[in-house]
Amino acid sequence: GEIYRTALQKKAEFIILLHNHPSGSPEPSREDISVTSRIRECGDLLEI
């Protein structure tokens, strides 16, 4: 909700998430995949 409030305020057409792994390896974790899935579903509903 916080992410898409910002997207609506900025009138974004689409968004991209980015984050770092301090270990140096960029392979996604289970939590990374879960976060991505939840935010994608919200984006589909809001058409952003």
All heavy atoms as atom14 arrays in JSON, in Angstrom:
{
  "sequence": "GEIYRTALQKKAEFIILLHNHPSGSPEPSREDISVTSRIRECGDLLEI",
  "atom14_mask": [
    [1, 1, 1, 1, 0, 0, 0, 0, 0, 0, 0, 0, 0, 0],
    [1, 1, 1, 1, 1, 1, 1, 1, 1, 0, 0, 0, 0, 0],
    [1, 1, 1, 1, 1, 1, 1, 1, 0, 0, 0, 0, 0, 0],
    [1, 1, 1, 1, 1, 1, 1, 1, 1, 1, 1, 1, 0, 0],
    [1, 1, 1, 1, 1, 1, 1, 1, 1, 1, 1, 0, 0, 0],
    [1, 1, 1, 1, 1, 1, 1, 0, 0, 0, 0, 0, 0, 0],
    [1, 1, 1, 1, 1, 0, 0, 0, 0, 0, 0, 0, 0, 0],
    [1, 1, 1, 1, 1, 1, 1, 1, 0, 0, 0, 0, 0, 0],
    [1, 1, 1, 1, 1, 1, 1, 1, 1, 0, 0, 0, 0, 0],
    [1, 1, 1, 1, 1, 1, 1, 1, 1, 0, 0, 0, 0, 0],
    [1, 1, 1, 1, 1, 1, 1, 1, 1, 0, 0, 0, 0, 0],
    [1, 1, 1, 1, 1, 0, 0, 0, 0, 0, 0, 0, 0, 0],
    [1, 1, 1, 1, 1, 1, 1, 1, 1, 0, 0, 0, 0, 0],
    [1, 1, 1, 1, 1, 1, 1, 1, 1, 1, 1, 0, 0, 0],
    [1, 1, 1, 1, 1, 1, 1, 1, 0, 0, 0, 0, 0, 0],
    [1, 1, 1, 1, 1, 1, 1, 1, 0, 0, 0, 0, 0, 0],
    [1, 1, 1, 1, 1, 1, 1, 1, 0, 0, 0, 0, 0, 0],
    [1, 1, 1, 1, 1, 1, 1, 1, 0, 0, 0, 0, 0, 0],
    [1, 1, 1, 1, 1, 1, 1, 1, 1, 1, 0, 0, 0, 0],
    [1, 1, 1, 1, 1, 1, 1, 1, 0, 0, 0, 0, 0, 0],
    [1, 1, 1, 1, 1, 1, 1, 1, 1, 1, 0, 0, 0, 0],
    [1, 1, 1, 1, 1, 1, 1, 0, 0, 0, 0, 0, 0, 0],
    [1, 1, 1, 1, 1, 1, 0, 0, 0, 0, 0, 0, 0, 0],
    [1, 1, 1, 1, 0, 0, 0, 0, 0, 0, 0, 0, 0, 0],
    [1, 1, 1, 1, 1, 1, 0, 0, 0, 0, 0, 0, 0, 0],
    [1, 1, 1, 1, 1, 1, 1, 0, 0, 0, 0, 0, 0, 0],
    [1, 1, 1, 1, 1, 1, 1, 1, 1, 0, 0, 0, 0, 0],
    [1, 1, 1, 1, 1, 1, 1, 0, 0, 0, 0, 0, 0, 0],
    [1, 1, 1, 1, 1, 1, 0, 0, 0, 0, 0, 0, 0, 0],
    [1, 1, 1, 1, 1, 1, 1, 1, 1, 1, 1, 0, 0, 0],
    [1, 1, 1, 1, 1, 1, 1, 1, 1, 0, 0, 0, 0, 0],
    [1, 1, 1, 1, 1, 1, 1, 1, 0, 0, 0, 0, 0, 0],
    [1, 1, 1, 1, 1, 1, 1, 1, 0, 0, 0, 0, 0, 0],
    [1, 1, 1, 1, 1, 1, 0, 0, 0, 0, 0, 0, 0, 0],
    [1, 1, 1, 1, 1, 1, 1, 0, 0, 0, 0, 0, 0, 0],
    [1, 1, 1, 1, 1, 1, 1, 0, 0, 0, 0, 0, 0, 0],
    [1, 1, 1, 1, 1, 1, 0, 0, 0, 0, 0, 0, 0, 0],
    [1, 1, 1, 1, 1, 1, 1, 1, 1, 1, 1, 0, 0, 0],
    [1, 1, 1, 1, 1, 1, 1, 1, 0, 0, 0, 0, 0, 0],
    [1, 1, 1, 1, 1, 1, 1, 1, 1, 1, 1, 0, 0, 0],
    [1, 1, 1, 1, 1, 1, 1, 1, 1, 0, 0, 0, 0, 0],
    [1, 1, 1, 1, 1, 1, 0, 0, 0, 0, 0, 0, 0, 0],
    [1, 1, 1, 1, 0, 0, 0, 0, 0, 0, 0, 0, 0, 0],
    [1, 1, 1, 1, 1, 1, 1, 1, 0, 0, 0, 0, 0, 0],
    [1, 1, 1, 1, 1, 1, 1, 1, 0, 0, 0, 0, 0, 0],
    [1, 1, 1, 1, 1, 1, 1, 1, 0, 0, 0, 0, 0, 0],
    [1, 1, 1, 1, 1, 1, 1, 1, 1, 0, 0, 0, 0, 0],
    [1, 1, 1, 1, 1, 1, 1, 1, 0, 0, 0, 0, 0, 0]
  ],
  "atom14_positions": [
    [[0.82, -1.2, 0.0], [0.0, 0.0, 0.0], [0.85, 1.26, 0.0], [0.57, 2.22, -0.73], [0.0, 0.0, 0.0], [0.0, 0.0, 0.0], [0.0, 0.0, 0.0], [0.0, 0.0, 0.0], [0.0, 0.0, 0.0], [0.0, 0.0, 0.0], [0.0, 0.0, 0.0], [0.0, 0.0, 0.0], [0.0, 0.0, 0.0], [0.0, 0.0, 0.0]],
    [[1.9, 1.28, 0.81], [2.8, 2.42, 0.88], [3.52, 2.61, -0.45], [3.69, 3.74, -0.94], [3.82, 2.21, 2.01], [4.7, 3.41, 2.29], [3.94, 4.56, 2.93], [2.93, 4.28, 3.62], [4.33, 5.71, 2.71], [0.0, 0.0, 0.0], [0.0, 0.0, 0.0], [0.0, 0.0, 0.0], [0.0, 0.0, 0.0], [0.0, 0.0, 0.0]],
    [[3.92, 1.51, -1.05], [4.62, 1.56, -2.35], [3.71, 2.17, -3.41], [4.12, 3.08, -4.15], [5.07, 0.16, -2.76], [6.24, -0.29, -1.89], [5.46, 0.11, -4.24], [6.66, -1.73, -2.09], [0.0, 0.0, 0.0], [0.0, 0.0, 0.0], [0.0, 0.0, 0.0], [0.0, 0.0, 0.0], [0.0, 0.0, 0.0], [0.0, 0.0, 0.0]],
    [[2.47, 1.73, -3.46], [1.59, 2.2, -4.52], [0.99, 3.57, -4.24], [0.6, 4.28, -5.17], [0.55, 1.14, -4.85], [1.14, 0.1, -5.76], [1.58, -1.12, -5.27], [1.34, 0.38, -7.11], [2.18, -2.05, -6.11], [1.93, -0.55, -7.95], [2.35, -1.76, -7.44], [2.96, -2.66, -8.27], [0.0, 0.0, 0.0], [0.0, 0.0, 0.0]],
    [[0.94, 3.98, -2.97], [0.58, 5.38, -2.7], [1.63, 6.31, -3.3], [1.3, 7.33, -3.91], [0.47, 5.61, -1.18], [-0.91, 5.3, -0.62], [-1.08, 5.83, 0.79], [-0.22, 5.11, 1.74], [-0.58, 3.99, 2.35], [-1.76, 3.44, 2.09], [0.22, 3.41, 3.21], [0.0, 0.0, 0.0], [0.0, 0.0, 0.0], [0.0, 0.0, 0.0]],
    [[2.9, 5.93, -3.13], [3.98, 6.73, -3.72], [3.89, 6.72, -5.24], [4.05, 7.76, -5.89], [5.35, 6.17, -3.27], [5.43, 6.21, -1.85], [6.49, 6.98, -3.87], [0.0, 0.0, 0.0], [0.0, 0.0, 0.0], [0.0, 0.0, 0.0], [0.0, 0.0, 0.0], [0.0, 0.0, 0.0], [0.0, 0.0, 0.0], [0.0, 0.0, 0.0]],
    [[3.63, 5.54, -5.81], [3.53, 5.44, -7.28], [2.41, 6.31, -7.83], [2.56, 6.96, -8.87], [3.32, 3.98, -7.67], [0.0, 0.0, 0.0], [0.0, 0.0, 0.0], [0.0, 0.0, 0.0], [0.0, 0.0, 0.0], [0.0, 0.0, 0.0], [0.0, 0.0, 0.0], [0.0, 0.0, 0.0], [0.0, 0.0, 0.0], [0.0, 0.0, 0.0]],
    [[1.27, 6.34, -7.13], [0.15, 7.16, -7.58], [0.46, 8.65, -7.44], [0.12, 9.45, -8.32], [-1.11, 6.81, -6.76], [-1.72, 5.44, -7.07], [-2.73, 5.04, -6.0], [-2.37, 5.43, -8.46], [0.0, 0.0, 0.0], [0.0, 0.0, 0.0], [0.0, 0.0, 0.0], [0.0, 0.0, 0.0], [0.0, 0.0, 0.0], [0.0, 0.0, 0.0]],
    [[1.11, 9.03, -6.34], [1.48, 10.43, -6.15], [2.43, 10.92, -7.23], [2.33, 12.06, -7.69], [2.11, 10.62, -4.76], [1.14, 10.49, -3.61], [1.84, 10.42, -2.27], [3.07, 10.43, -2.18], [1.05, 10.37, -1.2], [0.0, 0.0, 0.0], [0.0, 0.0, 0.0], [0.0, 0.0, 0.0], [0.0, 0.0, 0.0], [0.0, 0.0, 0.0]],
    [[3.37, 10.06, -7.62], [4.36, 10.43, -8.63], [3.86, 10.23, -10.06], [4.57, 10.52, -11.02], [5.64, 9.6, -8.44], [6.32, 9.77, -7.08], [6.96, 11.13, -6.93], [7.73, 11.22, -5.61], [8.39, 12.53, -5.46], [0.0, 0.0, 0.0], [0.0, 0.0, 0.0], [0.0, 0.0, 0.0], [0.0, 0.0, 0.0], [0.0, 0.0, 0.0]],
    [[2.65, 9.7, -10.18], [2.04, 9.43, -11.48], [2.91, 8.49, -12.32], [3.13, 8.69, -13.52], [1.78, 10.74, -12.24], [0.8, 11.65, -11.51], [0.54, 12.93, -12.28], [-0.45, 13.82, -11.52], [-0.72, 15.1, -12.23], [0.0, 0.0, 0.0], [0.0, 0.0, 0.0], [0.0, 0.0, 0.0], [0.0, 0.0, 0.0], [0.0, 0.0, 0.0]],
    [[3.39, 7.45, -11.65], [4.25, 6.46, -12.33], [3.43, 5.55, -13.21], [2.31, 5.15, -12.85], [5.02, 5.64, -11.29], [0.0, 0.0, 0.0], [0.0, 0.0, 0.0], [0.0, 0.0, 0.0], [0.0, 0.0, 0.0], [0.0, 0.0, 0.0], [0.0, 0.0, 0.0], [0.0, 0.0, 0.0], [0.0, 0.0, 0.0], [0.0, 0.0, 0.0]],
    [[3.98, 5.21, -14.36], [3.34, 4.25, -15.27], [3.7, 2.82, -14.89], [2.93, 1.9, -15.11], [3.77, 4.53, -16.71], [3.24, 5.83, -17.27], [1.74, 5.79, -17.48], [1.2, 4.71, -17.79], [1.09, 6.85, -17.34], [0.0, 0.0, 0.0], [0.0, 0.0, 0.0], [0.0, 0.0, 0.0], [0.0, 0.0, 0.0], [0.0, 0.0, 0.0]],
    [[4.9, 2.64, -14.34], [5.3, 1.34, -13.83], [6.4, 1.55, -12.8], [6.97, 2.64, -12.67], [5.77, 0.39, -14.95], [7.05, 0.83, -15.66], [8.29, 0.4, -15.21], [6.98, 1.63, -16.79], [9.45, 0.77, -15.87], [8.13, 2.01, -17.46], [9.37, 1.58, -17.0], [0.0, 0.0, 0.0], [0.0, 0.0, 0.0], [0.0, 0.0, 0.0]],
    [[6.68, 0.5, -12.03], [7.69, 0.58, -10.97], [8.65, -0.59, -11.08], [8.35, -1.62, -11.7], [7.05, 0.6, -9.56], [6.32, -0.73, -9.3], [6.14, 1.81, -9.4], [5.84, -0.87, -7.86], [0.0, 0.0, 0.0], [0.0, 0.0, 0.0], [0.0, 0.0, 0.0], [0.0, 0.0, 0.0], [0.0, 0.0, 0.0], [0.0, 0.0, 0.0]],
    [[9.8, -0.43, -10.46], [10.8, -1.49, -10.35], [11.33, -1.48, -8.92], [11.6, -0.41, -8.35], [11.95, -1.28, -11.35], [11.45, -1.55, -12.78], [13.15, -2.2, -11.04], [12.5, -1.3, -13.86], [0.0, 0.0, 0.0], [0.0, 0.0, 0.0], [0.0, 0.0, 0.0], [0.0, 0.0, 0.0], [0.0, 0.0, 0.0], [0.0, 0.0, 0.0]],
    [[11.43, -2.65, -8.34], [12.05, -2.79, -7.02], [13.53, -3.11, -7.19], [13.92, -3.81, -8.13], [11.4, -3.92, -6.23], [9.97, -3.74, -5.74], [9.52, -5.02, -5.02], [9.87, -2.54, -4.8], [0.0, 0.0, 0.0], [0.0, 0.0, 0.0], [0.0, 0.0, 0.0], [0.0, 0.0, 0.0], [0.0, 0.0, 0.0], [0.0, 0.0, 0.0]],
    [[14.33, -2.59, -6.29], [15.75, -2.93, -6.25], [16.17, -3.11, -4.8], [15.69, -2.38, -3.92], [16.63, -1.84, -6.86], [16.38, -1.44, -8.31], [15.64, -0.12, -8.37], [17.7, -1.34, -9.07], [0.0, 0.0, 0.0], [0.0, 0.0, 0.0], [0.0, 0.0, 0.0], [0.0, 0.0, 0.0], [0.0, 0.0, 0.0], [0.0, 0.0, 0.0]],
    [[17.02, -4.08, -4.55], [17.65, -4.13, -3.25], [19.0, -4.82, -3.37], [19.3, -5.46, -4.37], [16.75, -4.79, -2.19], [16.75, -6.28, -2.17], [15.99, -7.05, -3.02], [17.43, -7.15, -1.37], [16.19, -8.34, -2.75], [17.06, -8.43, -1.75], [0.0, 0.0, 0.0], [0.0, 0.0, 0.0], [0.0, 0.0, 0.0], [0.0, 0.0, 0.0]],
    [[19.82, -4.64, -2.36], [21.18, -5.18, -2.36], [21.27, -6.41, -1.45], [20.48, -6.58, -0.53], [22.16, -4.13, -1.85], [21.88, -3.73, -0.41], [20.76, -3.32, -0.09], [22.85, -3.86, 0.46], [0.0, 0.0, 0.0], [0.0, 0.0, 0.0], [0.0, 0.0, 0.0], [0.0, 0.0, 0.0], [0.0, 0.0, 0.0], [0.0, 0.0, 0.0]],
    [[22.24, -7.25, -1.74], [22.62, -8.34, -0.86], [24.04, -8.07, -0.35], [24.99, -8.15, -1.14], [22.57, -9.69, -1.59], [21.2, -10.28, -1.68], [20.95, -11.47, -2.32], [20.0, -9.86, -1.21], [19.66, -11.75, -2.24], [19.07, -10.78, -1.57], [0.0, 0.0, 0.0], [0.0, 0.0, 0.0], [0.0, 0.0, 0.0], [0.0, 0.0, 0.0]],
    [[24.21, -7.72, 0.92], [25.54, -7.43, 1.44], [26.53, -8.6, 1.29], [27.74, -8.38, 1.28], [25.28, -7.14, 2.93], [23.87, -6.62, 2.96], [23.15, -7.43, 1.91], [0.0, 0.0, 0.0], [0.0, 0.0, 0.0], [0.0, 0.0, 0.0], [0.0, 0.0, 0.0], [0.0, 0.0, 0.0], [0.0, 0.0, 0.0], [0.0, 0.0, 0.0]],
    [[26.03, -9.81, 1.13], [26.91, -10.96, 0.94], [27.64, -10.9, -0.39], [28.67, -11.55, -0.58], [26.09, -12.26, 0.99], [25.21, -12.33, -0.14], [0.0, 0.0, 0.0], [0.0, 0.0, 0.0], [0.0, 0.0, 0.0], [0.0, 0.0, 0.0], [0.0, 0.0, 0.0], [0.0, 0.0, 0.0], [0.0, 0.0, 0.0], [0.0, 0.0, 0.0]],
    [[27.11, -10.11, -1.33], [27.72, -10.01, -2.66], [27.08, -10.9, -3.69], [27.26, -10.71, -4.89], [0.0, 0.0, 0.0], [0.0, 0.0, 0.0], [0.0, 0.0, 0.0], [0.0, 0.0, 0.0], [0.0, 0.0, 0.0], [0.0, 0.0, 0.0], [0.0, 0.0, 0.0], [0.0, 0.0, 0.0], [0.0, 0.0, 0.0], [0.0, 0.0, 0.0]],
    [[26.31, -11.9, -3.24], [25.62, -12.8, -4.17], [24.21, -12.28, -4.41], [23.45, -12.06, -3.46], [25.55, -14.22, -3.6], [24.68, -15.03, -4.4], [0.0, 0.0, 0.0], [0.0, 0.0, 0.0], [0.0, 0.0, 0.0], [0.0, 0.0, 0.0], [0.0, 0.0, 0.0], [0.0, 0.0, 0.0], [0.0, 0.0, 0.0], [0.0, 0.0, 0.0]],
    [[23.79, -12.12, -5.67], [22.47, -11.56, -5.95], [21.35, -12.59, -6.06], [20.23, -12.23, -6.41], [22.69, -10.87, -7.29], [23.68, -11.74, -7.99], [24.6, -12.27, -6.91], [0.0, 0.0, 0.0], [0.0, 0.0, 0.0], [0.0, 0.0, 0.0], [0.0, 0.0, 0.0], [0.0, 0.0, 0.0], [0.0, 0.0, 0.0], [0.0, 0.0, 0.0]],
    [[21.63, -13.85, -5.79], [20.6, -14.87, -5.92], [19.43, -14.58, -4.97], [19.62, -14.28, -3.79], [21.17, -16.25, -5.61], [22.15, -16.77, -6.65], [21.48, -16.92, -8.01], [20.36, -17.5, -8.07], [22.06, -16.47, -9.01], [0.0, 0.0, 0.0], [0.0, 0.0, 0.0], [0.0, 0.0, 0.0], [0.0, 0.0, 0.0], [0.0, 0.0, 0.0]],
    [[18.18, -14.67, -5.46], [17.03, -14.31, -4.63], [16.76, -15.33, -3.53], [16.94, -16.53, -3.71], [15.88, -14.28, -5.64], [16.3, -15.2, -6.73], [17.79, -15.06, -6.83], [0.0, 0.0, 0.0], [0.0, 0.0, 0.0], [0.0, 0.0, 0.0], [0.0, 0.0, 0.0], [0.0, 0.0, 0.0], [0.0, 0.0, 0.0], [0.0, 0.0, 0.0]],
    [[16.3, -14.83, -2.39], [15.89, -15.69, -1.28], [14.4, -15.97, -1.38], [13.69, -15.39, -2.21], [16.19, -15.0, 0.05], [15.35, -13.86, 0.21], [0.0, 0.0, 0.0], [0.0, 0.0, 0.0], [0.0, 0.0, 0.0], [0.0, 0.0, 0.0], [0.0, 0.0, 0.0], [0.0, 0.0, 0.0], [0.0, 0.0, 0.0], [0.0, 0.0, 0.0]],
    [[13.91, -16.81, -0.5], [12.47, -17.1, -0.46], [11.68, -15.82, -0.15], [10.63, -15.58, -0.72], [12.2, -18.17, 0.6], [10.77, -18.68, 0.59], [10.59, -19.76, 1.64], [11.61, -20.79, 1.56], [11.76, -21.76, 2.45], [10.94, -21.84, 3.49], [12.7, -22.67, 2.31], [0.0, 0.0, 0.0], [0.0, 0.0, 0.0], [0.0, 0.0, 0.0]],
    [[12.21, -15.0, 0.77], [11.54, -13.75, 1.1], [11.53, -12.79, -0.08], [10.56, -12.07, -0.31], [12.22, -13.08, 2.31], [12.0, -13.79, 3.63], [10.56, -13.69, 4.11], [9.77, -12.95, 3.49], [10.21, -14.36, 5.09], [0.0, 0.0, 0.0], [0.0, 0.0, 0.0], [0.0, 0.0, 0.0], [0.0, 0.0, 0.0], [0.0, 0.0, 0.0]],
    [[12.63, -12.76, -0.84], [12.68, -11.9, -2.03], [11.55, -12.26, -3.0], [10.87, -11.39, -3.56], [14.02, -12.04, -2.75], [15.19, -11.56, -1.93], [14.99, -10.68, -1.06], [16.32, -12.05, -2.15], [0.0, 0.0, 0.0], [0.0, 0.0, 0.0], [0.0, 0.0, 0.0], [0.0, 0.0, 0.0], [0.0, 0.0, 0.0], [0.0, 0.0, 0.0]],
    [[11.36, -13.55, -3.2], [10.31, -14.03, -4.12], [8.92, -13.7, -3.58], [8.03, -13.29, -4.32], [10.48, -15.54, -4.36], [11.81, -15.81, -5.08], [9.31, -16.1, -5.16], [12.19, -17.28, -5.15], [0.0, 0.0, 0.0], [0.0, 0.0, 0.0], [0.0, 0.0, 0.0], [0.0, 0.0, 0.0], [0.0, 0.0, 0.0], [0.0, 0.0, 0.0]],
    [[8.75, -13.83, -2.25], [7.46, -13.54, -1.63], [7.11, -12.06, -1.75], [5.97, -11.69, -2.08], [7.49, -13.96, -0.16], [6.29, -13.63, 0.49], [0.0, 0.0, 0.0], [0.0, 0.0, 0.0], [0.0, 0.0, 0.0], [0.0, 0.0, 0.0], [0.0, 0.0, 0.0], [0.0, 0.0, 0.0], [0.0, 0.0, 0.0], [0.0, 0.0, 0.0]],
    [[8.09, -11.18, -1.46], [7.88, -9.74, -1.59], [7.46, -9.39, -3.01], [6.51, -8.64, -3.25], [9.16, -8.97, -1.21], [9.07, -7.51, -1.67], [9.41, -9.02, 0.28], [0.0, 0.0, 0.0], [0.0, 0.0, 0.0], [0.0, 0.0, 0.0], [0.0, 0.0, 0.0], [0.0, 0.0, 0.0], [0.0, 0.0, 0.0], [0.0, 0.0, 0.0]],
    [[8.18, -9.94, -3.96], [7.92, -9.64, -5.37], [6.51, -10.06, -5.76], [5.79, -9.32, -6.46], [8.94, -10.37, -6.25], [10.26, -10.0, -5.84], [8.76, -10.01, -7.71], [0.0, 0.0, 0.0], [0.0, 0.0, 0.0], [0.0, 0.0, 0.0], [0.0, 0.0, 0.0], [0.0, 0.0, 0.0], [0.0, 0.0, 0.0], [0.0, 0.0, 0.0]],
    [[6.08, -11.22, -5.32], [4.76, -11.73, -5.66], [3.65, -10.83, -5.1], [2.69, -10.49, -5.81], [4.6, -13.15, -5.13], [3.31, -13.65, -5.4], [0.0, 0.0, 0.0], [0.0, 0.0, 0.0], [0.0, 0.0, 0.0], [0.0, 0.0, 0.0], [0.0, 0.0, 0.0], [0.0, 0.0, 0.0], [0.0, 0.0, 0.0], [0.0, 0.0, 0.0]],
    [[3.78, -10.43, -3.83], [2.74, -9.6, -3.21], [2.62, -8.25, -3.9], [1.52, -7.75, -4.14], [3.06, -9.4, -1.72], [2.92, -10.64, -0.88], [3.3, -10.39, 0.57], [2.36, -9.47, 1.21], [2.72, -8.37, 1.85], [3.99, -8.01, 1.89], [1.82, -7.61, 2.43], [0.0, 0.0, 0.0], [0.0, 0.0, 0.0], [0.0, 0.0, 0.0]],
    [[3.76, -7.64, -4.22], [3.73, -6.31, -4.82], [3.25, -6.39, -6.27], [2.53, -5.51, -6.75], [5.11, -5.64, -4.7], [5.41, -5.4, -3.21], [5.16, -4.33, -5.48], [6.8, -4.88, -2.93], [0.0, 0.0, 0.0], [0.0, 0.0, 0.0], [0.0, 0.0, 0.0], [0.0, 0.0, 0.0], [0.0, 0.0, 0.0], [0.0, 0.0, 0.0]],
    [[3.61, -7.46, -6.96], [3.13, -7.63, -8.34], [1.61, -7.73, -8.38], [0.95, -7.13, -9.23], [3.74, -8.89, -8.97], [3.27, -9.13, -10.4], [3.64, -10.52, -10.87], [3.03, -11.56, -10.05], [1.75, -11.93, -10.13], [0.94, -11.34, -10.99], [1.28, -12.88, -9.35], [0.0, 0.0, 0.0], [0.0, 0.0, 0.0], [0.0, 0.0, 0.0]],
    [[1.03, -8.49, -7.44], [-0.42, -8.66, -7.39], [-1.12, -7.32, -7.18], [-2.15, -7.04, -7.82], [-0.79, -9.64, -6.28], [-0.38, -11.08, -6.57], [-0.56, -11.98, -5.37], [-1.02, -11.48, -4.32], [-0.23, -13.18, -5.48], [0.0, 0.0, 0.0], [0.0, 0.0, 0.0], [0.0, 0.0, 0.0], [0.0, 0.0, 0.0], [0.0, 0.0, 0.0]],
    [[-0.58, -6.49, -6.3], [-1.18, -5.16, -6.07], [-1.06, -4.3, -7.33], [-1.99, -3.56, -7.69], [-0.49, -4.46, -4.9], [-0.86, -5.2, -3.31], [0.0, 0.0, 0.0], [0.0, 0.0, 0.0], [0.0, 0.0, 0.0], [0.0, 0.0, 0.0], [0.0, 0.0, 0.0], [0.0, 0.0, 0.0], [0.0, 0.0, 0.0], [0.0, 0.0, 0.0]],
    [[0.09, -4.38, -8.0], [0.29, -3.62, -9.22], [-0.67, -4.01, -10.32], [-1.16, -3.15, -11.07], [0.0, 0.0, 0.0], [0.0, 0.0, 0.0], [0.0, 0.0, 0.0], [0.0, 0.0, 0.0], [0.0, 0.0, 0.0], [0.0, 0.0, 0.0], [0.0, 0.0, 0.0], [0.0, 0.0, 0.0], [0.0, 0.0, 0.0], [0.0, 0.0, 0.0]],
    [[-0.97, -5.29, -10.4], [-1.93, -5.76, -11.41], [-3.32, -5.15, -11.17], [-4.01, -4.75, -12.11], [-2.02, -7.28, -11.37], [-0.76, -7.95, -11.9], [0.06, -7.25, -12.55], [-0.59, -9.16, -11.65], [0.0, 0.0, 0.0], [0.0, 0.0, 0.0], [0.0, 0.0, 0.0], [0.0, 0.0, 0.0], [0.0, 0.0, 0.0], [0.0, 0.0, 0.0]],
    [[-3.72, -5.05, -9.89], [-5.03, -4.5, -9.56], [-5.11, -3.0, -9.87], [-6.12, -2.5, -10.33], [-5.34, -4.74, -8.08], [-5.59, -6.2, -7.67], [-5.71, -6.29, -6.15], [-6.87, -6.73, -8.33], [0.0, 0.0, 0.0], [0.0, 0.0, 0.0], [0.0, 0.0, 0.0], [0.0, 0.0, 0.0], [0.0, 0.0, 0.0], [0.0, 0.0, 0.0]],
    [[-3.99, -2.3, -9.62], [-3.97, -0.85, -9.8], [-3.52, -0.42, -11.2], [-3.51, 0.77, -11.51], [-3.04, -0.21, -8.76], [-3.5, -0.3, -7.31], [-2.39, 0.14, -6.36], [-4.75, 0.55, -7.09], [0.0, 0.0, 0.0], [0.0, 0.0, 0.0], [0.0, 0.0, 0.0], [0.0, 0.0, 0.0], [0.0, 0.0, 0.0], [0.0, 0.0, 0.0]],
    [[-3.16, -1.4, -12.01], [-2.67, -1.15, -13.36], [-1.42, -0.26, -13.37], [-1.23, 0.59, -14.23], [-3.78, -0.54, -14.23], [-4.96, -1.47, -14.41], [-6.03, -0.9, -15.35], [-5.99, 0.31, -15.62], [-6.87, -1.69, -15.81], [0.0, 0.0, 0.0], [0.0, 0.0, 0.0], [0.0, 0.0, 0.0], [0.0, 0.0, 0.0], [0.0, 0.0, 0.0]],
    [[-0.58, -0.47, -12.35], [0.76, 0.12, -12.31], [1.71, -1.07, -12.13], [2.03, -1.45, -11.0], [0.93, 1.14, -11.17], [-0.13, 2.23, -11.27], [2.33, 1.77, -11.21], [-0.07, 3.23, -10.13], [0.0, 0.0, 0.0], [0.0, 0.0, 0.0], [0.0, 0.0, 0.0], [0.0, 0.0, 0.0], [0.0, 0.0, 0.0], [0.0, 0.0, 0.0]]
  ]
}
